Amino acid sequence: MASFAAAQHLLPASTFRSSPLLPNRPSISSLSYKPLSFSSSTAGFGQAGVAIEFKDRGSFVQTAVVRHLMGSLTRSEGLRFAVVVARFNEVVTRLLLEGALETFKRYSVKEEDIDVVWVPGSFEVGVVAERLGKSKKYQAILCIGAVIRGDTSHYDVVANSAASGVLSASLNLGVPCIFGVLTCEDMD
């Protein structure tokens, strides 16, 4: 986390007036939002802003730079995507897959740039996502599954394993793995 001193370099000096109650801290009313621009190698990212947040009773929470990044997939040429889909609860996962494929199509992703891989259940989704990520063929991997609570604790084990597997794959490989596994109480 950046220090308060670092924040002073980002905002004009006039922004930092002392408060009578806290002589070395800026008053809340004097804070302003000033957009900053930055360059990025990824198209579609925009502006950054500076914000400082204060809490009651003298505790000081600093947020030196808050960047609002908004992506957009406007050019999909050369991008490849994988979709890992669990067969278990296929009545749900097939609809999720159809929605995902429609969305890819809406963003002009060609069908030949999407590989769909079916796995037995949500438990296996993370393992296969990691395997696909290691191939370095995909820019992102979408993981789809549905875990529906039953009368046993099996639900908790599968849901937790699916979540950790997808997270682990994404963190270990640096390839975005999107968690699209529904965890539901019942079929309704």
C-alpha atoms as a PDB file:
ATOM      1  CA  MET A   1       0.000   0.000   0.000  1.00  0.00           C
ATOM      2  CA  ALA A   2       1.402   3.383  -0.923  1.00  0.00           C
ATOM      3  CA  SER A   3       2.142   5.868   1.823  1.00  0.00           C
ATOM      4  CA  PHE A   4       0.375   9.158   2.459  1.00  0.00           C
ATOM      5  CA  ALA A   5       3.535  10.937   1.323  1.00  0.00           C
ATOM      6  CA  ALA A   6       3.333   9.133  -2.008  1.00  0.00           C
ATOM      7  CA  ALA A   7      -0.268  10.282  -2.412  1.00  0.00           C
ATOM      8  CA  GLN A   8       0.834  13.893  -1.936  1.00  0.00           C
ATOM      9  CA  HIS A   9       2.943  13.627  -5.094  1.00  0.00           C
ATOM     10  CA  LEU A  10      -0.090  12.481  -7.092  1.00  0.00           C
ATOM     11  CA  LEU A  11      -2.475  15.267  -6.095  1.00  0.00           C
ATOM     12  CA  PRO A  12      -1.886  19.023  -6.212  1.00  0.00           C
ATOM     13  CA  ALA A  13      -0.603  20.581  -3.011  1.00  0.00           C
ATOM     14  CA  SER A  14      -3.813  22.590  -2.607  1.00  0.00           C
ATOM     15  CA  THR A  15      -5.676  19.340  -2.034  1.00  0.00           C
ATOM     16  CA  PHE A  16      -3.840  18.689   1.222  1.00  0.00           C
ATOM     17  CA  ARG A  17      -5.028  21.220   3.807  1.00  0.00           C
ATOM     18  CA  SER A  18      -4.757  20.328   7.448  1.00  0.00           C
ATOM     19  CA  SER A  19      -7.812  19.570   9.457  1.00  0.00           C
ATOM     20  CA  PRO A  20      -8.139  21.427  12.796  1.00  0.00           C
ATOM     21  CA  LEU A  21      -8.727  18.113  14.588  1.00  0.00           C
ATOM     22  CA  LEU A  22      -5.917  16.272  12.829  1.00  0.00           C
ATOM     23  CA  PRO A  23      -3.238  18.863  12.029  1.00  0.00           C
ATOM     24  CA  ASN A  24      -1.044  16.632   9.850  1.00  0.00           C
ATOM     25  CA  ARG A  25      -3.864  15.095   7.803  1.00  0.00           C
ATOM     26  CA  PRO A  26      -5.903  16.601   4.992  1.00  0.00           C
ATOM     27  CA  SER A  27      -9.493  17.513   5.682  1.00  0.00           C
ATOM     28  CA  ILE A  28     -12.106  15.300   4.078  1.00  0.00           C
ATOM     29  CA  SER A  29     -13.785  18.229   2.359  1.00  0.00           C
ATOM     30  CA  SER A  30     -10.547  19.156   0.624  1.00  0.00           C
ATOM     31  CA  LEU A  31     -10.139  15.820  -1.130  1.00  0.00           C
ATOM     32  CA  SER A  32     -10.864  15.676  -4.813  1.00  0.00           C
ATOM     33  CA  TYR A  33     -10.896  13.073  -7.532  1.00  0.00           C
ATOM     34  CA  LYS A  34      -8.378  13.781 -10.249  1.00  0.00           C
ATOM     35  CA  PRO A  35      -8.266  11.403 -13.230  1.00  0.00           C
ATOM     36  CA  LEU A  36      -4.838  10.222 -14.263  1.00  0.00           C
ATOM     37  CA  SER A  37      -4.059   8.642 -17.573  1.00  0.00           C
ATOM     38  CA  PHE A  38      -1.672   5.752 -17.959  1.00  0.00           C
ATOM     39  CA  SER A  39      -0.476   3.671 -20.826  1.00  0.00           C
ATOM     40  CA  SER A  40      -1.063  -0.019 -21.116  1.00  0.00           C
ATOM     41  CA  SER A  41      -0.166  -2.611 -23.691  1.00  0.00           C
ATOM     42  CA  THR A  42      -3.703  -3.961 -23.441  1.00  0.00           C
ATOM     43  CA  ALA A  43      -6.241  -2.138 -25.547  1.00  0.00           C
ATOM     44  CA  GLY A  44      -9.468  -1.091 -23.910  1.00  0.00           C
ATOM     45  CA  PHE A  45      -8.101   0.006 -20.548  1.00  0.00           C
ATOM     46  CA  GLY A  46      -8.739   3.584 -19.600  1.00  0.00           C
ATOM     47  CA  GLN A  47      -8.362   5.941 -16.689  1.00  0.00           C
ATOM     48  CA  ALA A  48      -7.049   5.850 -13.192  1.00  0.00           C
ATOM     49  CA  GLY A  49      -8.140   7.999 -10.288  1.00  0.00           C
ATOM     50  CA  VAL A  50      -6.697   9.055  -6.978  1.00  0.00           C
ATOM     51  CA  ALA A  51      -8.644   8.654  -3.774  1.00  0.00           C
ATOM     52  CA  ILE A  52      -7.909   8.834  -0.081  1.00  0.00           C
ATOM     53  CA  GLU A  53     -10.339   7.393   2.436  1.00  0.00           C
ATOM     54  CA  PHE A  54     -10.637   8.332   6.085  1.00  0.00           C
ATOM     55  CA  LYS A  55     -12.302   6.406   8.886  1.00  0.00           C
ATOM     56  CA  ASP A  56     -13.726   7.691  12.165  1.00  0.00           C
ATOM     57  CA  ARG A  57     -11.876   7.975  15.459  1.00  0.00           C
ATOM     58  CA  GLY A  58      -8.488   8.865  14.068  1.00  0.00           C
ATOM     59  CA  SER A  59      -7.802   5.638  12.239  1.00  0.00           C
ATOM     60  CA  PHE A  60      -6.411   6.492   8.837  1.00  0.00           C
ATOM     61  CA  VAL A  61      -6.974   4.157   5.902  1.00  0.00           C
ATOM     62  CA  GLN A  62      -4.918   5.095   2.872  1.00  0.00           C
ATOM     63  CA  THR A  63      -5.773   4.366  -0.700  1.00  0.00           C
ATOM     64  CA  ALA A  64      -3.124   6.185  -2.686  1.00  0.00           C
ATOM     65  CA  VAL A  65      -4.172   5.180  -6.170  1.00  0.00           C
ATOM     66  CA  VAL A  66      -7.418   3.597  -7.226  1.00  0.00           C
ATOM     67  CA  ARG A  67      -7.425   2.579 -10.858  1.00  0.00           C
ATOM     68  CA  HIS A  68     -10.664   1.788 -12.600  1.00  0.00           C
ATOM     69  CA  LEU A  69      -9.807  -0.660 -15.357  1.00  0.00           C
ATOM     70  CA  MET A  70     -12.493  -1.570 -17.815  1.00  0.00           C
ATOM     71  CA  GLY A  71     -11.743  -4.110 -20.499  1.00  0.00           C
ATOM     72  CA  SER A  72     -13.374  -4.668 -23.800  1.00  0.00           C
ATOM     73  CA  LEU A  73     -12.985  -7.485 -26.273  1.00  0.00           C
ATOM     74  CA  THR A  74     -13.274  -5.638 -29.539  1.00  0.00           C
ATOM     75  CA  ARG A  75     -10.732  -7.563 -31.562  1.00  0.00           C
ATOM     76  CA  SER A  76     -10.719 -11.303 -31.151  1.00  0.00           C
ATOM     77  CA  GLU A  77      -8.501 -12.281 -34.083  1.00  0.00           C
ATOM     78  CA  GLY A  78      -5.782 -14.649 -32.978  1.00  0.00           C
ATOM     79  CA  LEU A  79      -7.297 -15.254 -29.540  1.00  0.00           C
ATOM     80  CA  ARG A  80      -8.107 -18.817 -28.536  1.00  0.00           C
ATOM     81  CA  PHE A  81     -10.396 -19.879 -25.718  1.00  0.00           C
ATOM     82  CA  ALA A  82     -11.065 -23.160 -23.959  1.00  0.00           C
ATOM     83  CA  VAL A  83     -14.270 -24.077 -22.181  1.00  0.00           C
ATOM     84  CA  VAL A  84     -14.180 -26.893 -19.635  1.00  0.00           C
ATOM     85  CA  VAL A  85     -17.671 -28.266 -18.946  1.00  0.00           C
ATOM     86  CA  ALA A  86     -18.771 -30.779 -16.320  1.00  0.00           C
ATOM     87  CA  ARG A  87     -21.114 -33.529 -17.547  1.00  0.00           C
ATOM     88  CA  PHE A  88     -22.638 -34.095 -14.121  1.00  0.00           C
ATOM     89  CA  ASN A  89     -25.840 -32.007 -13.903  1.00  0.00           C
ATOM     90  CA  GLU A  90     -25.681 -31.644 -17.677  1.00  0.00           C
ATOM     91  CA  VAL A  91     -29.237 -30.309 -17.773  1.00  0.00           C
ATOM     92  CA  VAL A  92     -27.753 -27.165 -16.180  1.00  0.00           C
ATOM     93  CA  THR A  93     -24.236 -27.126 -17.625  1.00  0.00           C
ATOM     94  CA  ARG A  94     -25.370 -27.530 -21.232  1.00  0.00           C
ATOM     95  CA  LEU A  95     -27.477 -24.345 -20.934  1.00  0.00           C
ATOM     96  CA  LEU A  96     -24.517 -22.510 -19.400  1.00  0.00           C
ATOM     97  CA  LEU A  97     -22.306 -23.701 -22.267  1.00  0.00           C
ATOM     98  CA  GLU A  98     -24.849 -22.540 -24.864  1.00  0.00           C
ATOM     99  CA  GLY A  99     -24.954 -19.112 -23.222  1.00  0.00           C
ATOM    100  CA  ALA A 100     -21.167 -18.912 -23.187  1.00  0.00           C
ATOM    101  CA  LEU A 101     -20.910 -19.878 -26.863  1.00  0.00           C
ATOM    102  CA  GLU A 102     -23.544 -17.270 -27.784  1.00  0.00           C
ATOM    103  CA  THR A 103     -21.545 -14.646 -25.905  1.00  0.00           C
ATOM    104  CA  PHE A 104     -18.328 -15.617 -27.689  1.00  0.00           C
ATOM    105  CA  LYS A 105     -20.191 -15.331 -30.995  1.00  0.00           C
ATOM    106  CA  ARG A 106     -21.567 -11.903 -30.021  1.00  0.00           C
ATOM    107  CA  TYR A 107     -17.983 -10.737 -29.511  1.00  0.00           C
ATOM    108  CA  SER A 108     -16.933 -12.110 -32.923  1.00  0.00           C
ATOM    109  CA  VAL A 109     -14.907 -15.035 -31.604  1.00  0.00           C
ATOM    110  CA  LYS A 110     -14.798 -17.645 -34.359  1.00  0.00           C
ATOM    111  CA  GLU A 111     -16.041 -21.156 -33.573  1.00  0.00           C
ATOM    112  CA  GLU A 112     -12.705 -22.637 -34.604  1.00  0.00           C
ATOM    113  CA  ASP A 113     -11.008 -20.530 -31.899  1.00  0.00           C
ATOM    114  CA  ILE A 114     -13.026 -22.208 -29.120  1.00  0.00           C
ATOM    115  CA  ASP A 115     -12.288 -25.682 -27.787  1.00  0.00           C
ATOM    116  CA  VAL A 116     -14.910 -27.317 -25.564  1.00  0.00           C
ATOM    117  CA  VAL A 117     -13.652 -30.063 -23.251  1.00  0.00           C
ATOM    118  CA  TRP A 118     -16.148 -32.203 -21.329  1.00  0.00           C
ATOM    119  CA  VAL A 119     -15.126 -33.683 -17.963  1.00  0.00           C
ATOM    120  CA  PRO A 120     -17.054 -36.081 -15.693  1.00  0.00           C
ATOM    121  CA  GLY A 121     -17.905 -33.553 -12.971  1.00  0.00           C
ATOM    122  CA  SER A 122     -17.060 -30.216 -11.364  1.00  0.00           C
ATOM    123  CA  PHE A 123     -14.367 -31.867  -9.247  1.00  0.00           C
ATOM    124  CA  GLU A 124     -12.274 -32.449 -12.389  1.00  0.00           C
ATOM    125  CA  VAL A 125     -12.747 -28.993 -13.913  1.00  0.00           C
ATOM    126  CA  GLY A 126      -9.701 -27.406 -12.217  1.00  0.00           C
ATOM    127  CA  VAL A 127      -7.346 -30.251 -13.129  1.00  0.00           C
ATOM    128  CA  VAL A 128      -8.275 -30.085 -16.814  1.00  0.00           C
ATOM    129  CA  ALA A 129      -8.142 -26.266 -16.812  1.00  0.00           C
ATOM    130  CA  GLU A 130      -4.590 -26.442 -15.503  1.00  0.00           C
ATOM    131  CA  ARG A 131      -3.638 -28.992 -18.174  1.00  0.00           C
ATOM    132  CA  LEU A 132      -5.097 -26.778 -20.913  1.00  0.00           C
ATOM    133  CA  GLY A 133      -3.330 -23.725 -19.510  1.00  0.00           C
ATOM    134  CA  LYS A 134       0.019 -25.509 -19.587  1.00  0.00           C
ATOM    135  CA  SER A 135      -0.414 -26.039 -23.325  1.00  0.00           C
ATOM    136  CA  LYS A 136      -0.059 -22.234 -23.810  1.00  0.00           C
ATOM    137  CA  LYS A 137      -2.636 -22.414 -26.616  1.00  0.00           C
ATOM    138  CA  TYR A 138      -5.359 -20.383 -24.891  1.00  0.00           C
ATOM    139  CA  GLN A 139      -5.690 -16.774 -23.787  1.00  0.00           C
ATOM    140  CA  ALA A 140      -8.460 -17.675 -21.308  1.00  0.00           C
ATOM    141  CA  ILE A 141     -10.222 -20.766 -19.989  1.00  0.00           C
ATOM    142  CA  LEU A 142     -13.871 -20.766 -18.973  1.00  0.00           C
ATOM    143  CA  CYS A 143     -14.807 -23.407 -16.386  1.00  0.00           C
ATOM    144  CA  ILE A 144     -18.465 -24.451 -16.231  1.00  0.00           C
ATOM    145  CA  GLY A 145     -20.128 -26.796 -13.764  1.00  0.00           C
ATOM    146  CA  ALA A 146     -23.057 -27.179 -11.396  1.00  0.00           C
ATOM    147  CA  VAL A 147     -22.899 -28.597  -7.891  1.00  0.00           C
ATOM    148  CA  ILE A 148     -26.298 -29.171  -6.292  1.00  0.00           C
ATOM    149  CA  ARG A 149     -26.578 -29.834  -2.567  1.00  0.00           C
ATOM    150  CA  GLY A 150     -27.808 -33.267  -1.580  1.00  0.00           C
ATOM    151  CA  ASP A 151     -28.235 -35.001   1.766  1.00  0.00           C
ATOM    152  CA  THR A 152     -24.498 -35.600   2.297  1.00  0.00           C
ATOM    153  CA  SER A 153     -21.432 -33.433   2.849  1.00  0.00           C
ATOM    154  CA  HIS A 154     -20.234 -34.414  -0.629  1.00  0.00           C
ATOM    155  CA  TYR A 155     -21.540 -31.053  -1.913  1.00  0.00           C
ATOM    156  CA  ASP A 156     -19.088 -29.078   0.243  1.00  0.00           C
ATOM    157  CA  VAL A 157     -16.127 -31.199  -0.827  1.00  0.00           C
ATOM    158  CA  VAL A 158     -16.902 -30.908  -4.555  1.00  0.00           C
ATOM    159  CA  ALA A 159     -17.737 -27.186  -4.446  1.00  0.00           C
ATOM    160  CA  ASN A 160     -14.576 -26.324  -2.489  1.00  0.00           C
ATOM    161  CA  SER A 161     -12.367 -28.517  -4.674  1.00  0.00           C
ATOM    162  CA  ALA A 162     -13.783 -27.018  -7.860  1.00  0.00           C
ATOM    163  CA  ALA A 163     -13.194 -23.474  -6.611  1.00  0.00           C
ATOM    164  CA  SER A 164      -9.651 -24.164  -5.403  1.00  0.00           C
ATOM    165  CA  GLY A 165      -8.769 -26.095  -8.545  1.00  0.00           C
ATOM    166  CA  VAL A 166      -9.815 -23.281 -10.879  1.00  0.00           C
ATOM    167  CA  LEU A 167      -8.124 -20.650  -8.708  1.00  0.00           C
ATOM    168  CA  SER A 168      -4.938 -22.692  -8.494  1.00  0.00           C
ATOM    169  CA  ALA A 169      -4.843 -23.217 -12.258  1.00  0.00           C
ATOM    170  CA  SER A 170      -5.221 -19.505 -12.890  1.00  0.00           C
ATOM    171  CA  LEU A 171      -2.610 -18.454 -10.345  1.00  0.00           C
ATOM    172  CA  ASN A 172      -0.039 -21.099 -11.291  1.00  0.00           C
ATOM    173  CA  LEU A 173      -0.212 -20.517 -15.026  1.00  0.00           C
ATOM    174  CA  GLY A 174      -0.983 -16.835 -15.426  1.00  0.00           C
ATOM    175  CA  VAL A 175      -3.851 -17.728 -17.778  1.00  0.00           C
ATOM    176  CA  PRO A 176      -7.250 -16.359 -16.721  1.00  0.00           C
ATOM    177  CA  CYS A 177      -9.471 -19.248 -15.633  1.00  0.00           C
ATOM    178  CA  ILE A 178     -13.018 -18.006 -15.184  1.00  0.00           C
ATOM    179  CA  PHE A 179     -15.020 -19.740 -12.453  1.00  0.00           C
ATOM    180  CA  GLY A 180     -18.464 -20.521 -13.819  1.00  0.00           C
ATOM    181  CA  VAL A 181     -19.410 -23.344 -11.462  1.00  0.00           C
ATOM    182  CA  LEU A 182     -22.851 -22.847  -9.933  1.00  0.00           C
ATOM    183  CA  THR A 183     -23.307 -24.013  -6.352  1.00  0.00           C
ATOM    184  CA  CYS A 184     -27.022 -24.456  -5.736  1.00  0.00           C
ATOM    185  CA  GLU A 185     -29.197 -25.639  -2.862  1.00  0.00           C
ATOM    186  CA  ASP A 186     -31.608 -27.436  -5.218  1.00  0.00           C
ATOM    187  CA  MET A 187     -32.630 -27.654  -8.878  1.00  0.00           C
ATOM    188  CA  ASP A 188     -34.976 -24.675  -8.585  1.00  0.00           C
END
